[in-house]
Amino acid sequence: MFQVQGILKVKNNEVQVSDRFKKREFVLTTEANSQYPQHVQFQLVQDKCSLINDFNVGEELKVSFNLRGREWAKDSEVRYFNTLDAWRIERVGNSTPVSNQSSNTTQNNNTMDNNNSTVFSGNTGGGNDDLPF
């Protein structure tokens, strides 16, 4: 499980990708007070699309998510894609998470390592350099 904290910047509408798959994307801004703020896109899928409904742009949130990756090959070209699948969203300072607990099977199958939680703090330790990475 991974977590990150930031300000909700963008909240997109739900998209019906196929007759059996829907998703909704949103963007958090982390490191907002740094020279190089990070705008990180997450996705919500299927029954989790409504998790973002009760939050407004500008609110500070903590998002729990799974890091997903996949390979795509076509005509001898191989590409790799990563997605950040959010499964819980909380207001910072509010102990009541907005999550869908009825889908624990999906949550447990997607969690990379339930016992090794990583929190991204937003401090890159970059000092005074002016490079964005």
N, C-alpha and C. Protein backbone atom coordinates (compact mmCIF):
# COMPACT_ATOMS: atom_id res chain seq x y z
N MET A 1 0.84 -1.17 0.00
CA MET A 1 0.00 0.00 0.00
C MET A 1 0.89 1.25 0.00
N PHE A 2 0.53 2.18 -0.79
CA PHE A 2 1.21 3.46 -0.85
C PHE A 2 0.23 4.56 -0.45
N GLN A 3 0.76 5.66 0.07
CA GLN A 3 -0.08 6.81 0.40
C GLN A 3 0.65 8.08 0.00
N VAL A 4 -0.14 9.08 -0.38
CA VAL A 4 0.42 10.39 -0.69
C VAL A 4 -0.59 11.44 -0.25
N GLN A 5 -0.07 12.59 0.13
CA GLN A 5 -0.91 13.68 0.59
C GLN A 5 -0.71 14.87 -0.34
N GLY A 6 -1.79 15.56 -0.66
CA GLY A 6 -1.69 16.72 -1.53
C GLY A 6 -3.01 17.45 -1.65
N ILE A 7 -3.01 18.47 -2.50
CA ILE A 7 -4.18 19.30 -2.73
C ILE A 7 -4.88 18.82 -4.00
N LEU A 8 -6.20 18.62 -3.92
CA LEU A 8 -6.96 18.20 -5.09
C LEU A 8 -6.97 19.33 -6.12
N LYS A 9 -6.41 19.05 -7.28
CA LYS A 9 -6.29 20.06 -8.34
C LYS A 9 -7.35 19.87 -9.42
N VAL A 10 -7.59 18.63 -9.84
CA VAL A 10 -8.52 18.32 -10.93
C VAL A 10 -9.36 17.12 -10.51
N LYS A 11 -10.65 17.19 -10.82
CA LYS A 11 -11.57 16.08 -10.57
C LYS A 11 -12.37 15.87 -11.84
N ASN A 12 -12.00 14.86 -12.62
CA ASN A 12 -12.66 14.60 -13.90
C ASN A 12 -13.94 13.81 -13.71
N ASN A 13 -14.77 13.83 -14.74
CA ASN A 13 -16.00 13.04 -14.75
C ASN A 13 -15.68 11.58 -15.00
N GLU A 14 -16.62 10.73 -14.61
CA GLU A 14 -16.50 9.30 -14.85
C GLU A 14 -16.59 9.02 -16.35
N VAL A 15 -15.77 8.07 -16.82
CA VAL A 15 -15.75 7.70 -18.23
C VAL A 15 -16.08 6.21 -18.34
N GLN A 16 -17.06 5.89 -19.17
CA GLN A 16 -17.41 4.49 -19.43
C GLN A 16 -16.52 4.02 -20.59
N VAL A 17 -15.46 3.30 -20.28
CA VAL A 17 -14.47 2.87 -21.27
C VAL A 17 -15.03 1.77 -22.16
N SER A 18 -15.73 0.82 -21.57
CA SER A 18 -16.39 -0.26 -22.31
C SER A 18 -17.66 -0.61 -21.55
N ASP A 19 -18.42 -1.57 -22.05
CA ASP A 19 -19.66 -1.92 -21.37
C ASP A 19 -19.42 -2.53 -19.99
N ARG A 20 -18.19 -2.97 -19.70
CA ARG A 20 -17.89 -3.59 -18.41
C ARG A 20 -16.82 -2.86 -17.61
N PHE A 21 -16.35 -1.71 -18.09
CA PHE A 21 -15.27 -1.01 -17.39
C PHE A 21 -15.49 0.49 -17.41
N LYS A 22 -15.41 1.09 -16.21
CA LYS A 22 -15.50 2.55 -16.10
C LYS A 22 -14.38 3.03 -15.19
N LYS A 23 -13.97 4.29 -15.42
CA LYS A 23 -12.91 4.87 -14.60
C LYS A 23 -13.16 6.36 -14.42
N ARG A 24 -12.46 6.92 -13.43
CA ARG A 24 -12.53 8.34 -13.16
C ARG A 24 -11.15 8.77 -12.71
N GLU A 25 -10.65 9.86 -13.26
CA GLU A 25 -9.31 10.33 -12.94
C GLU A 25 -9.38 11.62 -12.13
N PHE A 26 -8.35 11.81 -11.29
CA PHE A 26 -8.21 13.05 -10.55
C PHE A 26 -6.72 13.33 -10.36
N VAL A 27 -6.40 14.59 -10.04
CA VAL A 27 -5.01 15.01 -9.91
C VAL A 27 -4.81 15.64 -8.55
N LEU A 28 -3.74 15.23 -7.86
CA LEU A 28 -3.30 15.86 -6.62
C LEU A 28 -2.04 16.63 -6.89
N THR A 29 -1.92 17.79 -6.27
CA THR A 29 -0.66 18.54 -6.33
C THR A 29 0.07 18.31 -5.02
N THR A 30 1.26 17.73 -5.13
CA THR A 30 2.12 17.53 -3.96
C THR A 30 3.26 18.52 -4.05
N GLU A 31 3.92 18.73 -2.96
CA GLU A 31 5.03 19.68 -2.91
C GLU A 31 4.59 21.05 -3.43
N ALA A 32 3.39 21.46 -3.08
CA ALA A 32 2.79 22.68 -3.61
C ALA A 32 3.60 23.93 -3.30
N ASN A 33 4.31 23.94 -2.20
CA ASN A 33 5.08 25.12 -1.82
C ASN A 33 6.51 25.09 -2.32
N SER A 34 6.87 24.09 -3.09
CA SER A 34 8.24 24.01 -3.61
C SER A 34 8.33 24.72 -4.96
N GLN A 35 9.54 24.85 -5.44
CA GLN A 35 9.76 25.47 -6.75
C GLN A 35 9.17 24.61 -7.86
N TYR A 36 9.12 23.30 -7.64
CA TYR A 36 8.62 22.37 -8.65
C TYR A 36 7.50 21.51 -8.07
N PRO A 37 6.29 22.06 -7.98
CA PRO A 37 5.18 21.23 -7.47
C PRO A 37 4.94 20.05 -8.40
N GLN A 38 4.48 18.95 -7.81
CA GLN A 38 4.23 17.73 -8.57
C GLN A 38 2.73 17.56 -8.74
N HIS A 39 2.29 17.31 -9.95
CA HIS A 39 0.89 17.08 -10.26
C HIS A 39 0.74 15.61 -10.62
N VAL A 40 0.16 14.84 -9.71
CA VAL A 40 0.12 13.39 -9.82
C VAL A 40 -1.30 12.94 -10.14
N GLN A 41 -1.45 12.18 -11.23
CA GLN A 41 -2.76 11.70 -11.66
C GLN A 41 -3.04 10.32 -11.10
N PHE A 42 -4.24 10.14 -10.56
CA PHE A 42 -4.71 8.87 -10.04
C PHE A 42 -5.94 8.46 -10.82
N GLN A 43 -6.28 7.18 -10.73
CA GLN A 43 -7.53 6.73 -11.32
C GLN A 43 -8.32 5.93 -10.28
N LEU A 44 -9.62 6.04 -10.42
CA LEU A 44 -10.57 5.24 -9.66
C LEU A 44 -11.28 4.36 -10.67
N VAL A 45 -11.50 3.09 -10.35
CA VAL A 45 -12.14 2.20 -11.32
C VAL A 45 -13.35 1.52 -10.71
N GLN A 46 -14.29 1.18 -11.60
CA GLN A 46 -15.49 0.42 -11.27
C GLN A 46 -16.26 1.06 -10.11
N ASP A 47 -16.52 0.31 -9.05
CA ASP A 47 -17.34 0.82 -7.95
C ASP A 47 -16.63 1.87 -7.10
N LYS A 48 -15.37 2.13 -7.34
CA LYS A 48 -14.62 3.13 -6.58
C LYS A 48 -14.71 4.53 -7.22
N CYS A 49 -15.33 4.64 -8.39
CA CYS A 49 -15.41 5.94 -9.09
C CYS A 49 -16.07 7.02 -8.26
N SER A 50 -16.95 6.66 -7.36
CA SER A 50 -17.68 7.65 -6.57
C SER A 50 -16.90 8.14 -5.34
N LEU A 51 -15.75 7.56 -5.05
CA LEU A 51 -15.00 7.95 -3.85
C LEU A 51 -14.63 9.43 -3.83
N ILE A 52 -14.46 10.05 -4.97
CA ILE A 52 -14.02 11.44 -5.04
C ILE A 52 -15.20 12.42 -4.99
N ASN A 53 -16.43 11.91 -5.05
CA ASN A 53 -17.61 12.77 -5.13
C ASN A 53 -17.69 13.82 -4.03
N ASP A 54 -17.37 13.47 -2.80
CA ASP A 54 -17.57 14.36 -1.66
C ASP A 54 -16.42 15.33 -1.42
N PHE A 55 -15.46 15.39 -2.34
CA PHE A 55 -14.30 16.27 -2.17
C PHE A 55 -14.32 17.37 -3.22
N ASN A 56 -13.81 18.53 -2.84
CA ASN A 56 -13.78 19.68 -3.73
C ASN A 56 -12.36 20.06 -4.09
N VAL A 57 -12.20 20.61 -5.28
CA VAL A 57 -10.90 21.13 -5.72
C VAL A 57 -10.41 22.12 -4.66
N GLY A 58 -9.15 21.99 -4.29
CA GLY A 58 -8.55 22.86 -3.28
C GLY A 58 -8.44 22.22 -1.91
N GLU A 59 -9.12 21.10 -1.69
CA GLU A 59 -9.04 20.42 -0.40
C GLU A 59 -7.75 19.61 -0.30
N GLU A 60 -7.21 19.51 0.92
CA GLU A 60 -6.03 18.67 1.15
C GLU A 60 -6.50 17.26 1.48
N LEU A 61 -5.96 16.29 0.73
CA LEU A 61 -6.39 14.90 0.84
C LEU A 61 -5.21 13.98 1.07
N LYS A 62 -5.51 12.81 1.63
CA LYS A 62 -4.54 11.72 1.69
C LYS A 62 -5.15 10.58 0.89
N VAL A 63 -4.39 10.07 -0.08
CA VAL A 63 -4.88 9.04 -0.99
C VAL A 63 -4.07 7.76 -0.77
N SER A 64 -4.77 6.66 -0.55
CA SER A 64 -4.15 5.34 -0.51
C SER A 64 -4.33 4.72 -1.88
N PHE A 65 -3.27 4.14 -2.41
CA PHE A 65 -3.33 3.63 -3.78
C PHE A 65 -2.40 2.46 -3.98
N ASN A 66 -2.63 1.76 -5.09
CA ASN A 66 -1.77 0.68 -5.53
C ASN A 66 -1.07 1.12 -6.81
N LEU A 67 0.19 0.78 -6.92
CA LEU A 67 0.97 1.04 -8.13
C LEU A 67 0.80 -0.14 -9.05
N ARG A 68 0.29 0.12 -10.25
CA ARG A 68 0.04 -0.95 -11.22
C ARG A 68 0.87 -0.68 -12.48
N GLY A 69 1.34 -1.74 -13.11
CA GLY A 69 2.10 -1.61 -14.35
C GLY A 69 1.70 -2.69 -15.33
N ARG A 70 1.81 -2.36 -16.60
CA ARG A 70 1.47 -3.36 -17.62
C ARG A 70 2.35 -3.17 -18.84
N GLU A 71 2.44 -4.23 -19.60
CA GLU A 71 3.23 -4.24 -20.83
C GLU A 71 2.27 -4.28 -22.01
N TRP A 72 2.62 -3.54 -23.05
CA TRP A 72 1.82 -3.51 -24.27
C TRP A 72 2.77 -3.72 -25.44
N ALA A 73 2.46 -4.68 -26.30
CA ALA A 73 3.33 -4.98 -27.44
C ALA A 73 2.50 -4.97 -28.72
N LYS A 74 3.08 -4.34 -29.76
CA LYS A 74 2.44 -4.32 -31.07
C LYS A 74 3.53 -4.08 -32.12
N ASP A 75 3.55 -4.93 -33.13
CA ASP A 75 4.50 -4.78 -34.23
C ASP A 75 5.94 -4.60 -33.75
N SER A 76 6.39 -5.49 -32.92
CA SER A 76 7.75 -5.53 -32.37
C SER A 76 8.09 -4.33 -31.47
N GLU A 77 7.13 -3.49 -31.18
CA GLU A 77 7.34 -2.39 -30.24
C GLU A 77 6.72 -2.79 -28.91
N VAL A 78 7.50 -2.65 -27.85
CA VAL A 78 7.02 -2.95 -26.51
C VAL A 78 7.04 -1.67 -25.70
N ARG A 79 5.92 -1.37 -25.05
CA ARG A 79 5.82 -0.18 -24.21
C ARG A 79 5.30 -0.60 -22.84
N TYR A 80 5.62 0.21 -21.84
CA TYR A 80 5.20 -0.06 -20.47
C TYR A 80 4.42 1.13 -19.94
N PHE A 81 3.35 0.83 -19.21
CA PHE A 81 2.48 1.85 -18.66
C PHE A 81 2.29 1.63 -17.17
N ASN A 82 2.24 2.70 -16.42
CA ASN A 82 1.98 2.65 -14.98
C ASN A 82 0.70 3.40 -14.67
N THR A 83 -0.03 2.93 -13.68
CA THR A 83 -1.20 3.64 -13.20
C THR A 83 -1.18 3.62 -11.68
N LEU A 84 -1.77 4.63 -11.10
CA LEU A 84 -1.93 4.73 -9.66
C LEU A 84 -3.42 4.54 -9.37
N ASP A 85 -3.78 3.36 -8.89
CA ASP A 85 -5.18 3.02 -8.63
C ASP A 85 -5.54 3.37 -7.19
N ALA A 86 -6.29 4.44 -7.02
CA ALA A 86 -6.71 4.87 -5.68
C ALA A 86 -7.82 3.97 -5.17
N TRP A 87 -7.80 3.68 -3.87
CA TRP A 87 -8.85 2.86 -3.27
C TRP A 87 -9.36 3.43 -1.96
N ARG A 88 -8.72 4.49 -1.45
CA ARG A 88 -9.24 5.19 -0.28
C ARG A 88 -8.80 6.65 -0.36
N ILE A 89 -9.72 7.54 0.00
CA ILE A 89 -9.44 8.98 0.01
C ILE A 89 -9.92 9.54 1.33
N GLU A 90 -9.04 10.32 1.99
CA GLU A 90 -9.39 10.93 3.27
C GLU A 90 -9.06 12.41 3.24
N ARG A 91 -9.86 13.22 3.91
CA ARG A 91 -9.50 14.62 4.14
C ARG A 91 -8.40 14.63 5.18
N VAL A 92 -7.42 15.49 5.02
CA VAL A 92 -6.37 15.60 6.01
C VAL A 92 -6.98 16.24 7.26
N GLY A 93 -6.73 15.63 8.42
CA GLY A 93 -7.28 16.12 9.67
C GLY A 93 -8.64 15.54 10.00
N ASN A 94 -9.21 14.74 9.12
CA ASN A 94 -10.49 14.10 9.37
C ASN A 94 -10.26 12.61 9.45
N SER A 95 -10.66 11.99 10.52
CA SER A 95 -10.35 10.57 10.72
C SER A 95 -11.31 9.64 10.00
N THR A 96 -12.32 10.17 9.31
CA THR A 96 -13.28 9.32 8.63
C THR A 96 -12.93 9.19 7.16
N PRO A 97 -12.39 8.04 6.72
CA PRO A 97 -12.04 7.88 5.31
C PRO A 97 -13.30 7.67 4.46
N VAL A 98 -13.20 8.09 3.21
CA VAL A 98 -14.26 7.80 2.24
C VAL A 98 -13.73 6.66 1.41
N SER A 99 -14.24 5.47 1.65
CA SER A 99 -13.77 4.30 0.90
C SER A 99 -14.92 3.35 0.71
N ASN A 100 -14.73 2.39 -0.15
CA ASN A 100 -15.76 1.40 -0.44
C ASN A 100 -15.31 0.09 0.17
N GLN A 101 -15.75 -0.20 1.38
CA GLN A 101 -15.31 -1.39 2.08
C GLN A 101 -15.98 -2.66 1.56
N SER A 102 -17.00 -2.55 0.71
CA SER A 102 -17.66 -3.74 0.19
C SER A 102 -16.83 -4.45 -0.86
N SER A 103 -15.71 -3.87 -1.24
CA SER A 103 -14.89 -4.47 -2.28
C SER A 103 -13.52 -4.85 -1.74
N ASN A 104 -13.47 -5.48 -0.56
CA ASN A 104 -12.21 -5.86 0.04
C ASN A 104 -11.43 -6.86 -0.79
N THR A 105 -12.10 -7.69 -1.57
CA THR A 105 -11.40 -8.65 -2.42
C THR A 105 -10.53 -7.94 -3.43
N THR A 106 -11.08 -6.94 -4.11
CA THR A 106 -10.30 -6.18 -5.08
C THR A 106 -9.14 -5.48 -4.39
N GLN A 107 -9.42 -4.87 -3.23
CA GLN A 107 -8.38 -4.14 -2.52
C GLN A 107 -7.24 -5.07 -2.14
N ASN A 108 -7.53 -6.24 -1.60
CA ASN A 108 -6.48 -7.16 -1.17
C ASN A 108 -5.72 -7.74 -2.34
N ASN A 109 -6.37 -8.01 -3.46
CA ASN A 109 -5.68 -8.56 -4.61
C ASN A 109 -4.76 -7.55 -5.27
N ASN A 110 -5.08 -6.26 -5.17
CA ASN A 110 -4.27 -5.24 -5.83
C ASN A 110 -3.15 -4.71 -4.96
N THR A 111 -3.19 -4.94 -3.66
CA THR A 111 -2.18 -4.40 -2.77
C THR A 111 -0.87 -5.13 -3.00
N MET A 112 0.18 -4.35 -3.26
CA MET A 112 1.47 -4.95 -3.55
C MET A 112 2.03 -5.67 -2.33
N ASP A 113 1.95 -5.05 -1.16
CA ASP A 113 2.47 -5.66 0.04
C ASP A 113 1.78 -5.00 1.22
N ASN A 114 0.79 -5.65 1.77
CA ASN A 114 0.00 -5.07 2.86
C ASN A 114 0.84 -4.76 4.09
N ASN A 115 1.98 -5.41 4.27
CA ASN A 115 2.79 -5.21 5.46
C ASN A 115 3.89 -4.20 5.26
N ASN A 116 4.05 -3.66 4.06
CA ASN A 116 5.13 -2.73 3.79
C ASN A 116 4.54 -1.45 3.23
N SER A 117 4.07 -0.58 4.10
CA SER A 117 3.42 0.65 3.69
C SER A 117 4.46 1.74 3.44
N THR A 118 4.28 2.48 2.37
CA THR A 118 5.17 3.57 2.04
C THR A 118 4.38 4.86 1.99
N VAL A 119 4.88 5.89 2.63
CA VAL A 119 4.24 7.20 2.59
C VAL A 119 5.19 8.14 1.87
N PHE A 120 4.69 8.79 0.82
CA PHE A 120 5.47 9.77 0.10
C PHE A 120 5.32 11.10 0.80
N SER A 121 6.42 11.66 1.25
CA SER A 121 6.34 12.85 2.10
C SER A 121 6.41 14.15 1.32
N GLY A 122 6.86 14.12 0.10
CA GLY A 122 6.97 15.36 -0.67
C GLY A 122 8.30 16.04 -0.50
N ASN A 123 9.20 15.54 0.33
CA ASN A 123 10.52 16.13 0.51
C ASN A 123 11.52 15.32 -0.29
N THR A 124 12.04 15.93 -1.34
CA THR A 124 12.97 15.20 -2.19
C THR A 124 14.41 15.38 -1.76
N GLY A 125 14.65 16.27 -0.79
CA GLY A 125 16.00 16.49 -0.32
C GLY A 125 16.88 17.14 -1.35
N GLY A 126 16.29 17.86 -2.28
CA GLY A 126 17.02 18.42 -3.40
C GLY A 126 17.85 19.65 -3.08
N GLY A 127 17.69 20.23 -1.92
CA GLY A 127 18.50 21.40 -1.59
C GLY A 127 18.15 22.57 -2.48
N ASN A 128 19.20 23.28 -2.96
CA ASN A 128 18.99 24.49 -3.73
C ASN A 128 19.13 24.30 -5.23
N ASP A 129 19.27 23.07 -5.71
CA ASP A 129 19.44 22.93 -7.15
C ASP A 129 18.17 23.32 -7.88
N ASP A 130 18.30 23.72 -9.13
CA ASP A 130 17.15 24.20 -9.87
C ASP A 130 16.64 23.20 -10.88
N LEU A 131 17.04 21.93 -10.77
CA LEU A 131 16.56 20.89 -11.67
C LEU A 131 15.24 20.35 -11.15
N PRO A 132 14.28 20.04 -12.05
CA PRO A 132 12.98 19.57 -11.60
C PRO A 132 12.95 18.10 -11.23
N PHE A 133 14.10 17.44 -11.14
CA PHE A 133 14.12 16.03 -10.78
C PHE A 133 15.27 15.72 -9.88
